[in-house]
């Protein structure tokens, strides 16, 4: 499993230090910006970015060092 880190970073950086409520994925769909929903949106965007070459199976979004939300592929 090999993916260019720059490709993954590009997707994740769109969500870093910004108003998530203004992001189209949340604003357009009136989706609350919970850690769980952020993980789902990131998983979808990451899978689109890597295409069929790789399977995104898990995304973890940390709220604090001890609290996290996890999305896992079925």
Protein backbone atom coordinates (compact mmCIF):
# COMPACT_ATOMS: atom_id res chain seq x y z
CA UNK A 1 0.00 0.00 0.00
CA UNK A 2 1.73 3.11 -1.22
CA UNK A 3 0.20 6.53 -1.71
CA UNK A 4 1.92 9.85 -2.25
CA UNK A 5 1.74 11.60 1.11
CA UNK A 6 1.36 14.94 -0.69
CA UNK A 7 -1.92 13.71 -2.19
CA UNK A 8 -3.32 12.80 1.22
CA UNK A 9 -2.02 16.01 2.79
CA UNK A 10 -3.71 18.07 0.08
CA UNK A 11 -7.11 16.65 1.03
CA UNK A 12 -6.61 16.96 4.79
CA UNK A 13 -5.19 20.50 4.64
CA UNK A 14 -8.45 21.80 3.16
CA UNK A 15 -10.00 21.14 6.56
CA UNK A 16 -7.15 22.48 8.69
CA UNK A 17 -7.59 25.84 10.47
CA UNK A 18 -10.77 26.83 8.66
CA UNK A 19 -14.44 27.35 9.38
CA UNK A 20 -15.77 23.87 8.74
CA UNK A 21 -19.33 25.17 8.68
CA UNK A 22 -18.40 27.16 5.56
CA UNK A 23 -17.04 24.10 3.74
CA UNK A 24 -19.40 22.99 0.96
CA UNK A 25 -19.63 19.43 2.29
CA UNK A 26 -21.10 20.67 5.54
CA UNK A 27 -22.81 23.92 4.51
CA UNK A 28 -24.61 22.60 1.41
CA UNK A 29 -25.84 19.45 3.16
CA UNK A 30 -26.57 21.15 6.49
CA UNK A 31 -24.34 18.50 8.04
CA UNK A 32 -23.24 19.20 11.63
CA UNK A 33 -19.46 19.48 11.98
CA UNK A 34 -19.06 16.70 14.51
CA UNK A 35 -15.88 14.62 14.60
CA UNK A 36 -17.91 11.66 13.33
CA UNK A 37 -19.16 13.58 10.29
CA UNK A 38 -15.72 15.04 9.62
CA UNK A 39 -14.31 11.49 9.54
CA UNK A 40 -16.97 10.41 7.01
CA UNK A 41 -16.36 13.42 4.75
CA UNK A 42 -12.58 12.94 4.93
CA UNK A 43 -12.90 9.24 4.11
CA UNK A 44 -14.98 10.04 1.04
CA UNK A 45 -12.62 12.78 -0.14
CA UNK A 46 -9.52 10.65 0.48
CA UNK A 47 -11.00 7.71 -1.43
CA UNK A 48 -11.82 10.00 -4.35
CA UNK A 49 -8.28 11.41 -4.31
CA UNK A 50 -6.53 8.02 -4.37
CA UNK A 51 -8.99 6.43 -6.79
CA UNK A 52 -9.27 2.67 -7.16
CA UNK A 53 -5.55 2.11 -6.56
CA UNK A 54 -5.98 2.07 -2.79
CA UNK A 55 -8.82 1.39 -0.38
CA UNK A 56 -9.34 3.88 2.44
CA UNK A 57 -10.44 1.56 5.25
CA UNK A 58 -10.29 3.77 8.33
CA UNK A 59 -10.17 7.45 9.26
CA UNK A 60 -9.66 8.74 12.80
CA UNK A 61 -10.39 12.33 13.80
CA UNK A 62 -9.00 13.34 17.18
CA UNK A 63 -10.79 15.99 19.20
CA UNK A 64 -8.35 15.76 22.12
CA UNK A 65 -5.52 13.36 22.95
CA UNK A 66 -8.07 11.11 24.67
CA UNK A 67 -11.19 11.61 22.51
CA UNK A 68 -11.54 10.55 18.89
CA UNK A 69 -14.12 9.55 16.31
CA UNK A 70 -13.41 6.68 13.95
CA UNK A 71 -14.93 5.87 10.57
CA UNK A 72 -14.34 2.32 9.42
CA UNK A 73 -15.20 0.83 6.04
CA UNK A 74 -17.85 -1.89 6.20
